[in-house]
N, C-alpha and C. Protein backbone atom coordinates (compact mmCIF):
# COMPACT_ATOMS: atom_id res chain seq x y z
N MET A 1 115.85 88.58 103.83
CA MET A 1 114.55 89.13 103.41
C MET A 1 114.54 90.65 103.53
N ASP A 2 114.12 91.31 102.47
CA ASP A 2 114.00 92.77 102.47
C ASP A 2 112.61 93.14 102.98
N ARG A 3 112.53 93.50 104.24
CA ARG A 3 111.22 93.78 104.84
C ARG A 3 110.53 94.98 104.19
N SER A 4 111.33 95.90 103.65
CA SER A 4 110.73 97.08 103.01
C SER A 4 110.00 96.72 101.72
N ALA A 5 110.18 95.48 101.24
CA ALA A 5 109.48 95.04 100.02
C ALA A 5 108.02 94.70 100.29
N LEU A 6 107.69 94.53 101.56
CA LEU A 6 106.31 94.19 101.91
C LEU A 6 105.49 95.46 102.15
N ASN A 7 104.40 95.59 101.42
CA ASN A 7 103.44 96.67 101.62
C ASN A 7 102.19 96.04 102.22
N ILE A 8 102.03 96.21 103.52
CA ILE A 8 101.07 95.41 104.29
C ILE A 8 99.76 96.16 104.56
N LEU A 9 98.67 95.42 104.41
CA LEU A 9 97.35 95.89 104.84
C LEU A 9 96.97 95.11 106.08
N ILE A 10 96.58 95.83 107.13
CA ILE A 10 96.11 95.21 108.37
C ILE A 10 94.59 95.35 108.41
N VAL A 11 93.88 94.23 108.52
CA VAL A 11 92.43 94.26 108.67
C VAL A 11 92.11 93.78 110.08
N GLU A 12 91.72 94.71 110.93
CA GLU A 12 91.52 94.44 112.36
C GLU A 12 90.52 95.46 112.89
N ASP A 13 89.42 94.98 113.49
CA ASP A 13 88.38 95.91 113.95
C ASP A 13 88.62 96.46 115.36
N GLU A 14 89.56 95.88 116.09
CA GLU A 14 89.90 96.41 117.42
C GLU A 14 91.01 97.45 117.24
N ALA A 15 90.67 98.73 117.47
CA ALA A 15 91.59 99.83 117.18
C ALA A 15 92.92 99.71 117.92
N ILE A 16 92.87 99.31 119.18
CA ILE A 16 94.10 99.21 119.97
C ILE A 16 95.03 98.12 119.41
N ILE A 17 94.43 96.96 119.07
CA ILE A 17 95.23 95.87 118.51
C ILE A 17 95.81 96.29 117.16
N ALA A 18 95.01 96.94 116.33
CA ALA A 18 95.47 97.39 115.02
C ALA A 18 96.65 98.36 115.15
N THR A 19 96.53 99.28 116.10
CA THR A 19 97.60 100.26 116.32
C THR A 19 98.87 99.58 116.80
N ASP A 20 98.71 98.61 117.71
CA ASP A 20 99.87 97.87 118.22
C ASP A 20 100.57 97.10 117.10
N ILE A 21 99.79 96.44 116.25
CA ILE A 21 100.38 95.68 115.15
C ILE A 21 101.11 96.61 114.19
N LYS A 22 100.46 97.72 113.85
CA LYS A 22 101.09 98.68 112.93
C LYS A 22 102.40 99.21 113.51
N SER A 23 102.40 99.60 114.78
CA SER A 23 103.61 100.13 115.43
C SER A 23 104.73 99.10 115.42
N LEU A 24 104.37 97.85 115.73
CA LEU A 24 105.37 96.77 115.74
C LEU A 24 105.97 96.59 114.35
N LEU A 25 105.12 96.50 113.34
CA LEU A 25 105.62 96.25 111.98
C LEU A 25 106.49 97.39 111.47
N VAL A 26 106.06 98.62 111.71
CA VAL A 26 106.85 99.78 111.28
C VAL A 26 108.21 99.78 111.98
N SER A 27 108.22 99.48 113.28
CA SER A 27 109.48 99.46 114.02
C SER A 27 110.41 98.35 113.54
N GLU A 28 109.83 97.31 112.92
CA GLU A 28 110.62 96.19 112.41
C GLU A 28 110.99 96.35 110.94
N GLY A 29 110.65 97.49 110.35
CA GLY A 29 111.09 97.78 108.99
C GLY A 29 110.12 97.43 107.88
N PHE A 30 108.88 97.07 108.23
CA PHE A 30 107.87 96.77 107.22
C PHE A 30 107.13 98.05 106.82
N ASN A 31 106.59 98.07 105.62
CA ASN A 31 105.72 99.17 105.19
C ASN A 31 104.27 98.79 105.48
N VAL A 32 103.59 99.62 106.24
CA VAL A 32 102.16 99.41 106.47
C VAL A 32 101.41 100.43 105.62
N LYS A 33 100.71 99.93 104.61
CA LYS A 33 100.02 100.80 103.66
C LYS A 33 98.65 101.23 104.14
N GLY A 34 98.10 100.52 105.10
CA GLY A 34 96.80 100.91 105.60
C GLY A 34 96.27 99.98 106.66
N VAL A 35 95.28 100.48 107.40
CA VAL A 35 94.59 99.70 108.42
C VAL A 35 93.09 99.82 108.14
N ALA A 36 92.42 98.68 108.09
CA ALA A 36 90.98 98.67 107.83
C ALA A 36 90.26 97.96 108.97
N LYS A 37 89.12 98.54 109.40
CA LYS A 37 88.35 97.90 110.46
C LYS A 37 87.19 97.08 109.90
N ASN A 38 86.99 97.15 108.58
CA ASN A 38 85.93 96.36 107.96
C ASN A 38 86.28 96.06 106.50
N ALA A 39 85.48 95.22 105.88
CA ALA A 39 85.76 94.77 104.52
C ALA A 39 85.68 95.92 103.52
N THR A 40 84.72 96.82 103.70
CA THR A 40 84.56 97.94 102.76
C THR A 40 85.83 98.77 102.68
N ARG A 41 86.38 99.10 103.85
CA ARG A 41 87.62 99.89 103.88
C ARG A 41 88.78 99.06 103.32
N ALA A 42 88.80 97.77 103.61
CA ALA A 42 89.87 96.91 103.08
C ALA A 42 89.86 96.90 101.56
N TYR A 43 88.67 96.76 100.97
CA TYR A 43 88.56 96.73 99.51
C TYR A 43 88.98 98.07 98.91
N ASP A 44 88.63 99.18 99.57
CA ASP A 44 89.06 100.50 99.10
C ASP A 44 90.58 100.61 99.08
N LEU A 45 91.20 100.19 100.16
CA LEU A 45 92.66 100.28 100.26
C LEU A 45 93.34 99.37 99.24
N LEU A 46 92.78 98.19 99.02
CA LEU A 46 93.36 97.26 98.04
C LEU A 46 93.32 97.86 96.64
N SER A 47 92.28 98.61 96.34
CA SER A 47 92.16 99.21 95.01
C SER A 47 93.02 100.46 94.86
N MET A 48 93.33 101.12 95.97
CA MET A 48 94.07 102.39 95.91
C MET A 48 95.57 102.26 96.15
N GLU A 49 95.96 101.30 96.97
CA GLU A 49 97.35 101.20 97.40
C GLU A 49 98.05 100.00 96.75
N ASP A 50 99.37 100.06 96.72
CA ASP A 50 100.17 98.96 96.18
C ASP A 50 100.45 97.96 97.29
N ILE A 51 99.44 97.16 97.61
CA ILE A 51 99.52 96.22 98.73
C ILE A 51 99.89 94.84 98.20
N ASN A 52 100.84 94.17 98.89
CA ASN A 52 101.24 92.83 98.46
C ASN A 52 101.24 91.80 99.59
N PHE A 53 100.69 92.17 100.75
CA PHE A 53 100.59 91.22 101.87
C PHE A 53 99.50 91.71 102.81
N CYS A 54 98.69 90.78 103.33
CA CYS A 54 97.61 91.17 104.24
C CYS A 54 97.63 90.37 105.54
N ILE A 55 97.27 91.05 106.61
CA ILE A 55 97.05 90.43 107.90
C ILE A 55 95.56 90.57 108.18
N LEU A 56 94.86 89.45 108.26
CA LEU A 56 93.40 89.47 108.35
C LEU A 56 92.90 88.91 109.68
N ASP A 57 92.19 89.75 110.42
CA ASP A 57 91.43 89.23 111.55
C ASP A 57 90.23 88.49 110.96
N ILE A 58 89.95 87.30 111.44
CA ILE A 58 88.85 86.52 110.86
C ILE A 58 87.49 87.13 111.20
N HIS A 59 87.30 87.50 112.47
CA HIS A 59 86.01 88.04 112.90
C HIS A 59 86.11 89.55 113.06
N ILE A 60 85.47 90.29 112.13
CA ILE A 60 85.58 91.75 112.17
C ILE A 60 84.19 92.39 112.25
N GLY A 61 83.41 91.94 113.22
CA GLY A 61 82.10 92.53 113.45
C GLY A 61 81.10 92.12 112.38
N THR A 62 80.17 93.04 112.09
CA THR A 62 79.13 92.74 111.10
C THR A 62 79.70 92.88 109.69
N GLY A 63 78.99 92.32 108.74
CA GLY A 63 79.45 92.40 107.35
C GLY A 63 80.40 91.27 107.01
N PRO A 64 81.05 91.37 105.84
CA PRO A 64 81.98 90.32 105.41
C PRO A 64 83.09 90.07 106.44
N SER A 65 83.48 88.82 106.58
CA SER A 65 84.53 88.44 107.54
C SER A 65 85.90 88.48 106.87
N GLY A 66 86.93 88.21 107.68
CA GLY A 66 88.28 88.11 107.13
C GLY A 66 88.38 86.98 106.11
N ILE A 67 87.58 85.93 106.31
CA ILE A 67 87.59 84.81 105.36
C ILE A 67 86.99 85.25 104.02
N ASP A 68 85.97 86.10 104.06
CA ASP A 68 85.40 86.64 102.82
C ASP A 68 86.43 87.50 102.09
N ILE A 69 87.16 88.29 102.84
CA ILE A 69 88.20 89.14 102.24
C ILE A 69 89.29 88.26 101.62
N ALA A 70 89.62 87.16 102.30
CA ALA A 70 90.64 86.24 101.79
C ALA A 70 90.24 85.69 100.42
N GLU A 71 88.97 85.41 100.24
CA GLU A 71 88.49 84.90 98.95
C GLU A 71 88.74 85.92 97.84
N VAL A 72 88.52 87.20 98.15
CA VAL A 72 88.79 88.27 97.18
C VAL A 72 90.29 88.37 96.89
N LEU A 73 91.09 88.23 97.93
CA LEU A 73 92.55 88.27 97.74
C LEU A 73 93.01 87.16 96.81
N HIS A 74 92.45 85.96 97.00
CA HIS A 74 92.79 84.82 96.14
C HIS A 74 92.40 85.07 94.69
N ASN A 75 91.15 85.45 94.50
CA ASN A 75 90.58 85.48 93.16
C ASN A 75 90.89 86.73 92.35
N LYS A 76 91.03 87.86 93.04
CA LYS A 76 91.23 89.12 92.31
C LYS A 76 92.65 89.64 92.37
N TYR A 77 93.29 89.51 93.53
CA TYR A 77 94.59 90.15 93.72
C TYR A 77 95.78 89.19 93.77
N GLN A 78 95.55 87.91 94.08
CA GLN A 78 96.63 86.94 94.24
C GLN A 78 97.69 87.46 95.22
N ILE A 79 97.22 87.83 96.39
CA ILE A 79 98.10 88.38 97.44
C ILE A 79 98.14 87.39 98.60
N PRO A 80 99.34 87.09 99.13
CA PRO A 80 99.41 86.20 100.30
C PRO A 80 98.91 86.90 101.56
N TYR A 81 98.46 86.10 102.53
CA TYR A 81 97.92 86.68 103.75
C TYR A 81 98.03 85.66 104.88
N ILE A 82 97.93 86.20 106.09
CA ILE A 82 97.84 85.35 107.28
C ILE A 82 96.58 85.74 108.05
N PHE A 83 96.06 84.79 108.82
CA PHE A 83 94.87 85.04 109.64
C PHE A 83 95.27 85.28 111.09
N LEU A 84 94.54 86.19 111.73
CA LEU A 84 94.60 86.38 113.18
C LEU A 84 93.21 86.11 113.73
N THR A 85 93.14 85.51 114.88
CA THR A 85 91.82 85.29 115.48
C THR A 85 91.92 85.07 116.98
N LEU A 86 90.85 85.43 117.67
CA LEU A 86 90.74 85.12 119.09
C LEU A 86 90.29 83.68 119.29
N PHE A 87 89.75 83.09 118.23
CA PHE A 87 89.12 81.78 118.34
C PHE A 87 89.98 80.70 117.71
N SER A 88 90.13 79.58 118.42
CA SER A 88 90.88 78.45 117.87
C SER A 88 90.02 77.19 117.88
N ASP A 89 88.68 77.40 117.88
CA ASP A 89 87.78 76.25 117.86
C ASP A 89 87.83 75.56 116.50
N GLU A 90 87.32 74.35 116.46
CA GLU A 90 87.42 73.53 115.24
C GLU A 90 86.72 74.19 114.05
N LYS A 91 85.57 74.81 114.29
CA LYS A 91 84.83 75.43 113.19
C LYS A 91 85.64 76.57 112.56
N THR A 92 86.23 77.41 113.40
CA THR A 92 87.03 78.53 112.89
C THR A 92 88.26 78.01 112.17
N LEU A 93 88.92 77.02 112.76
CA LEU A 93 90.11 76.44 112.13
C LEU A 93 89.79 75.83 110.78
N ASN A 94 88.68 75.11 110.70
CA ASN A 94 88.28 74.49 109.43
C ASN A 94 87.98 75.54 108.37
N SER A 95 87.26 76.60 108.77
CA SER A 95 86.94 77.67 107.83
C SER A 95 88.21 78.34 107.32
N ALA A 96 89.15 78.56 108.24
CA ALA A 96 90.42 79.19 107.85
C ALA A 96 91.23 78.27 106.95
N GLN A 97 91.26 77.00 107.28
CA GLN A 97 92.05 76.04 106.49
C GLN A 97 91.54 75.94 105.06
N GLU A 98 90.23 76.06 104.90
CA GLU A 98 89.65 75.97 103.56
C GLU A 98 90.15 77.08 102.65
N MET A 99 90.58 78.20 103.25
CA MET A 99 91.12 79.30 102.46
C MET A 99 92.62 79.14 102.21
N ALA A 100 93.22 78.15 102.86
CA ALA A 100 94.66 77.87 102.69
C ALA A 100 95.53 79.11 102.88
N PRO A 101 95.48 79.73 104.08
CA PRO A 101 96.31 80.90 104.33
C PRO A 101 97.79 80.52 104.43
N TYR A 102 98.65 81.50 104.37
CA TYR A 102 100.08 81.26 104.52
C TYR A 102 100.51 81.27 105.99
N GLY A 103 99.58 81.56 106.87
CA GLY A 103 99.88 81.53 108.30
C GLY A 103 98.61 81.76 109.11
N TYR A 104 98.68 81.41 110.41
CA TYR A 104 97.51 81.49 111.29
C TYR A 104 98.02 81.72 112.70
N LEU A 105 97.55 82.79 113.33
CA LEU A 105 97.94 83.09 114.70
C LEU A 105 96.72 83.30 115.57
N VAL A 106 96.75 82.74 116.78
CA VAL A 106 95.67 82.93 117.74
C VAL A 106 96.07 84.04 118.71
N LYS A 107 95.17 85.01 118.90
CA LYS A 107 95.41 86.09 119.85
C LYS A 107 95.19 85.58 121.27
N PRO A 108 95.91 86.11 122.24
CA PRO A 108 97.03 87.04 122.07
C PRO A 108 98.28 86.29 121.61
N PHE A 109 99.10 86.94 120.82
CA PHE A 109 100.31 86.30 120.32
C PHE A 109 101.52 87.17 120.68
N GLN A 110 102.67 86.54 120.68
CA GLN A 110 103.91 87.27 120.95
C GLN A 110 104.33 88.05 119.71
N ASP A 111 104.95 89.21 119.93
CA ASP A 111 105.41 90.03 118.81
C ASP A 111 106.27 89.23 117.84
N GLN A 112 107.20 88.45 118.39
CA GLN A 112 108.12 87.71 117.54
C GLN A 112 107.39 86.62 116.74
N SER A 113 106.31 86.10 117.29
CA SER A 113 105.53 85.10 116.56
C SER A 113 104.92 85.71 115.30
N LEU A 114 104.42 86.94 115.43
CA LEU A 114 103.85 87.62 114.27
C LEU A 114 104.92 87.89 113.23
N ILE A 115 106.06 88.39 113.66
CA ILE A 115 107.15 88.70 112.72
C ILE A 115 107.63 87.44 112.00
N SER A 116 107.82 86.36 112.74
CA SER A 116 108.31 85.12 112.12
C SER A 116 107.26 84.52 111.19
N THR A 117 105.98 84.63 111.57
CA THR A 117 104.91 84.11 110.70
C THR A 117 104.86 84.88 109.39
N ILE A 118 104.97 86.20 109.45
CA ILE A 118 104.99 87.02 108.23
C ILE A 118 106.20 86.66 107.38
N THR A 119 107.36 86.53 108.02
CA THR A 119 108.60 86.23 107.29
C THR A 119 108.52 84.90 106.56
N ILE A 120 108.03 83.87 107.25
CA ILE A 120 107.91 82.54 106.63
C ILE A 120 106.86 82.56 105.52
N ALA A 121 105.74 83.24 105.76
CA ALA A 121 104.68 83.31 104.76
C ALA A 121 105.18 83.99 103.49
N TRP A 122 105.90 85.09 103.65
CA TRP A 122 106.42 85.83 102.48
C TRP A 122 107.47 84.99 101.74
N SER A 123 108.31 84.32 102.50
CA SER A 123 109.33 83.46 101.90
C SER A 123 108.70 82.35 101.07
N ASN A 124 107.68 81.70 101.63
CA ASN A 124 106.99 80.62 100.91
C ASN A 124 106.29 81.15 99.66
N TRP A 125 105.70 82.33 99.79
CA TRP A 125 105.03 82.95 98.64
C TRP A 125 106.03 83.24 97.53
N GLN A 126 107.16 83.84 97.90
CA GLN A 126 108.19 84.17 96.90
C GLN A 126 108.74 82.91 96.24
N ARG A 127 108.92 81.88 97.05
CA ARG A 127 109.43 80.61 96.54
C ARG A 127 108.48 80.03 95.49
N SER A 128 107.18 80.13 95.78
CA SER A 128 106.19 79.57 94.86
C SER A 128 106.13 80.36 93.56
N LEU A 129 106.47 81.64 93.61
CA LEU A 129 106.44 82.46 92.40
C LEU A 129 107.64 82.22 91.49
N HIS A 130 108.78 81.98 92.10
CA HIS A 130 110.02 81.98 91.33
C HIS A 130 110.65 80.61 91.09
N LYS A 131 110.06 79.59 91.66
CA LYS A 131 110.62 78.26 91.46
C LYS A 131 109.55 77.30 90.97
N THR A 132 110.00 76.24 90.38
CA THR A 132 109.06 75.22 89.96
C THR A 132 108.97 74.13 91.03
N ILE A 133 107.85 73.48 91.07
CA ILE A 133 107.63 72.43 92.06
C ILE A 133 108.57 71.26 91.77
N ASN A 134 109.06 70.67 92.83
CA ASN A 134 109.93 69.50 92.72
C ASN A 134 109.08 68.29 92.33
N SER A 135 108.94 68.08 91.02
CA SER A 135 108.06 67.02 90.53
C SER A 135 108.60 65.63 90.87
N GLU A 136 109.92 65.50 90.97
CA GLU A 136 110.51 64.20 91.35
C GLU A 136 110.09 63.82 92.76
N LEU A 137 110.04 64.82 93.64
CA LEU A 137 109.63 64.56 95.02
C LEU A 137 108.17 64.10 95.06
N ILE A 138 107.34 64.74 94.27
CA ILE A 138 105.93 64.34 94.20
C ILE A 138 105.81 62.90 93.69
N ALA A 139 106.60 62.57 92.68
CA ALA A 139 106.54 61.23 92.08
C ALA A 139 106.90 60.14 93.10
N LYS A 140 107.76 60.48 94.06
CA LYS A 140 108.21 59.50 95.05
C LYS A 140 107.19 59.24 96.15
N LYS A 141 106.16 60.07 96.23
CA LYS A 141 105.23 60.00 97.36
C LYS A 141 104.01 59.12 97.11
N SER A 142 103.96 58.41 96.01
CA SER A 142 102.84 57.51 95.70
C SER A 142 101.49 58.22 95.75
N LEU A 143 101.45 59.43 95.19
CA LEU A 143 100.20 60.17 95.13
C LEU A 143 99.35 59.66 93.98
N THR A 144 98.04 59.71 94.16
CA THR A 144 97.15 59.40 93.05
C THR A 144 97.21 60.57 92.05
N ASP A 145 96.68 60.36 90.87
CA ASP A 145 96.66 61.44 89.87
C ASP A 145 95.94 62.67 90.42
N GLN A 146 94.81 62.45 91.09
CA GLN A 146 94.04 63.55 91.66
C GLN A 146 94.84 64.27 92.74
N GLU A 147 95.54 63.51 93.58
CA GLU A 147 96.34 64.11 94.64
C GLU A 147 97.50 64.92 94.07
N GLN A 148 98.06 64.48 92.96
CA GLN A 148 99.15 65.25 92.33
C GLN A 148 98.64 66.60 91.86
N VAL A 149 97.47 66.62 91.26
CA VAL A 149 96.88 67.89 90.80
C VAL A 149 96.59 68.80 91.99
N ILE A 150 95.99 68.22 93.03
CA ILE A 150 95.64 69.01 94.21
C ILE A 150 96.89 69.54 94.89
N THR A 151 97.93 68.73 94.95
CA THR A 151 99.20 69.18 95.55
C THR A 151 99.73 70.41 94.83
N GLY A 152 99.71 70.39 93.52
CA GLY A 152 100.18 71.53 92.74
C GLY A 152 99.35 72.77 93.00
N LEU A 153 98.04 72.62 93.06
CA LEU A 153 97.16 73.76 93.30
C LEU A 153 97.33 74.33 94.71
N LEU A 154 97.48 73.45 95.68
CA LEU A 154 97.72 73.90 97.06
C LEU A 154 99.02 74.69 97.14
N ALA A 155 100.05 74.16 96.51
CA ALA A 155 101.37 74.80 96.58
C ALA A 155 101.38 76.16 95.87
N LYS A 156 100.49 76.31 94.90
CA LYS A 156 100.43 77.58 94.17
C LYS A 156 99.50 78.60 94.83
N GLY A 157 98.94 78.23 95.97
CA GLY A 157 98.18 79.20 96.76
C GLY A 157 96.70 79.25 96.52
N HIS A 158 96.15 78.30 95.78
CA HIS A 158 94.71 78.31 95.53
C HIS A 158 93.94 77.94 96.81
N SER A 159 92.82 78.59 97.03
CA SER A 159 91.99 78.28 98.18
C SER A 159 91.28 76.95 97.97
N TYR A 160 90.79 76.37 99.06
CA TYR A 160 90.05 75.11 98.95
C TYR A 160 88.83 75.31 98.04
N LYS A 161 88.14 76.44 98.21
CA LYS A 161 86.95 76.69 97.41
C LYS A 161 87.28 76.72 95.92
N THR A 162 88.37 77.41 95.58
CA THR A 162 88.78 77.51 94.18
C THR A 162 89.16 76.16 93.61
N ILE A 163 89.87 75.35 94.41
CA ILE A 163 90.27 74.01 93.96
C ILE A 163 89.03 73.16 93.69
N CYS A 164 88.05 73.23 94.59
CA CYS A 164 86.80 72.47 94.39
C CYS A 164 86.14 72.86 93.08
N GLU A 165 86.12 74.17 92.80
CA GLU A 165 85.48 74.65 91.57
C GLU A 165 86.26 74.21 90.33
N LYS A 166 87.59 74.27 90.42
CA LYS A 166 88.42 73.89 89.27
C LYS A 166 88.29 72.40 88.94
N LEU A 167 88.23 71.58 90.00
CA LEU A 167 88.25 70.13 89.81
C LEU A 167 86.86 69.49 89.88
N PHE A 168 85.84 70.31 90.13
CA PHE A 168 84.46 69.80 90.21
C PHE A 168 84.33 68.70 91.27
N ILE A 169 84.89 68.98 92.45
CA ILE A 169 84.79 68.04 93.55
C ILE A 169 84.19 68.74 94.76
N SER A 170 83.68 67.98 95.71
CA SER A 170 83.08 68.56 96.91
C SER A 170 84.17 68.95 97.91
N MET A 171 83.79 69.81 98.87
CA MET A 171 84.74 70.22 99.90
C MET A 171 85.19 69.01 100.73
N ASN A 172 84.27 68.09 101.03
CA ASN A 172 84.64 66.91 101.81
C ASN A 172 85.64 66.03 101.07
N THR A 173 85.46 65.91 99.75
CA THR A 173 86.40 65.13 98.94
C THR A 173 87.78 65.78 98.96
N LEU A 174 87.80 67.10 98.82
CA LEU A 174 89.08 67.81 98.83
C LEU A 174 89.77 67.66 100.18
N LYS A 175 89.01 67.79 101.27
CA LYS A 175 89.61 67.65 102.61
C LYS A 175 90.19 66.25 102.79
N TYR A 176 89.51 65.26 102.26
CA TYR A 176 90.00 63.88 102.34
C TYR A 176 91.34 63.77 101.62
N HIS A 177 91.41 64.30 100.40
CA HIS A 177 92.66 64.24 99.62
C HIS A 177 93.77 65.05 100.30
N ALA A 178 93.41 66.24 100.79
CA ALA A 178 94.42 67.09 101.43
C ALA A 178 95.02 66.41 102.65
N LYS A 179 94.17 65.76 103.43
CA LYS A 179 94.65 65.04 104.61
C LYS A 179 95.64 63.94 104.21
N ASN A 180 95.32 63.21 103.14
CA ASN A 180 96.23 62.18 102.64
C ASN A 180 97.55 62.78 102.16
N ILE A 181 97.46 63.90 101.44
CA ILE A 181 98.65 64.55 100.91
C ILE A 181 99.57 65.00 102.05
N TYR A 182 98.99 65.67 103.04
CA TYR A 182 99.80 66.15 104.17
C TYR A 182 100.43 64.97 104.91
N SER A 183 99.70 63.88 105.03
CA SER A 183 100.21 62.69 105.69
C SER A 183 101.38 62.08 104.91
N LYS A 184 101.22 61.98 103.59
CA LYS A 184 102.27 61.38 102.76
C LYS A 184 103.55 62.22 102.75
N PHE A 185 103.40 63.55 102.87
CA PHE A 185 104.57 64.42 102.90
C PHE A 185 105.06 64.67 104.32
N ASP A 186 104.32 64.14 105.30
CA ASP A 186 104.65 64.32 106.72
C ASP A 186 104.75 65.80 107.08
N VAL A 187 103.73 66.57 106.68
CA VAL A 187 103.66 67.99 107.00
C VAL A 187 102.32 68.27 107.68
N LYS A 188 102.23 69.42 108.35
CA LYS A 188 101.02 69.75 109.10
C LYS A 188 100.00 70.54 108.30
N GLY A 189 100.44 71.17 107.22
CA GLY A 189 99.51 71.98 106.45
C GLY A 189 100.15 72.51 105.19
N ARG A 190 99.44 73.43 104.56
CA ARG A 190 99.88 73.92 103.25
C ARG A 190 101.20 74.68 103.30
N SER A 191 101.39 75.49 104.35
CA SER A 191 102.62 76.28 104.43
C SER A 191 103.85 75.37 104.45
N GLU A 192 103.79 74.31 105.27
CA GLU A 192 104.91 73.34 105.31
C GLU A 192 105.03 72.60 104.01
N LEU A 193 103.91 72.25 103.39
CA LEU A 193 103.93 71.54 102.10
C LEU A 193 104.63 72.40 101.06
N THR A 194 104.28 73.68 101.00
CA THR A 194 104.88 74.59 100.03
C THR A 194 106.38 74.69 100.23
N ALA A 195 106.81 74.85 101.48
CA ALA A 195 108.23 74.95 101.77
C ALA A 195 108.96 73.66 101.34
N HIS A 196 108.30 72.54 101.54
CA HIS A 196 108.86 71.22 101.20
C HIS A 196 109.03 71.07 99.68
N LEU A 197 108.03 71.51 98.95
CA LEU A 197 108.01 71.31 97.50
C LEU A 197 108.92 72.25 96.73
N TYR A 198 109.20 73.40 97.32
CA TYR A 198 110.01 74.39 96.59
C TYR A 198 111.42 74.48 97.13
N GLN A 199 111.90 73.45 97.78
CA GLN A 199 113.27 73.45 98.31
C GLN A 199 114.28 73.57 97.19
């Protein structure tokens, strides 16, 4: 992996944490294009800089959250991202899962965990761009027609919200199908599913 190919935006409202993450990434050979403490600054940087990867803190004070920014990344920029959060409660996890991030880390995290999460996320993203889904593998998993469509959309990086809108289904219906899909492929989430499908 060519780490210099990643132009990273860090969205983190805690200045010390943001500085630590930036220092770590730069020392590891990544390009950090900017640091934003709120959504307004994040949107400015996205429009001005050549950013192709984001690290999003979920809770960034008042105003739009990291999850709101993720929706913009999905719909406008098609940029992969990972979530960082102090919270690992069910509500936060569910909200994050609905956005189908390429990674999720709970603070405090080890430096190497962040690096490996970014590396795997970027690899899965690149794989999804340059390869076609293993349709034979999907055919072997006894998926329903709806599950096959959802599997393809998940693997291509669409958020839960976008999938619901495309297929005219409720969030609960999508979660039900996604749970079945992950079970049939014996994976824990979208990142593993993507890696499995683009082998």
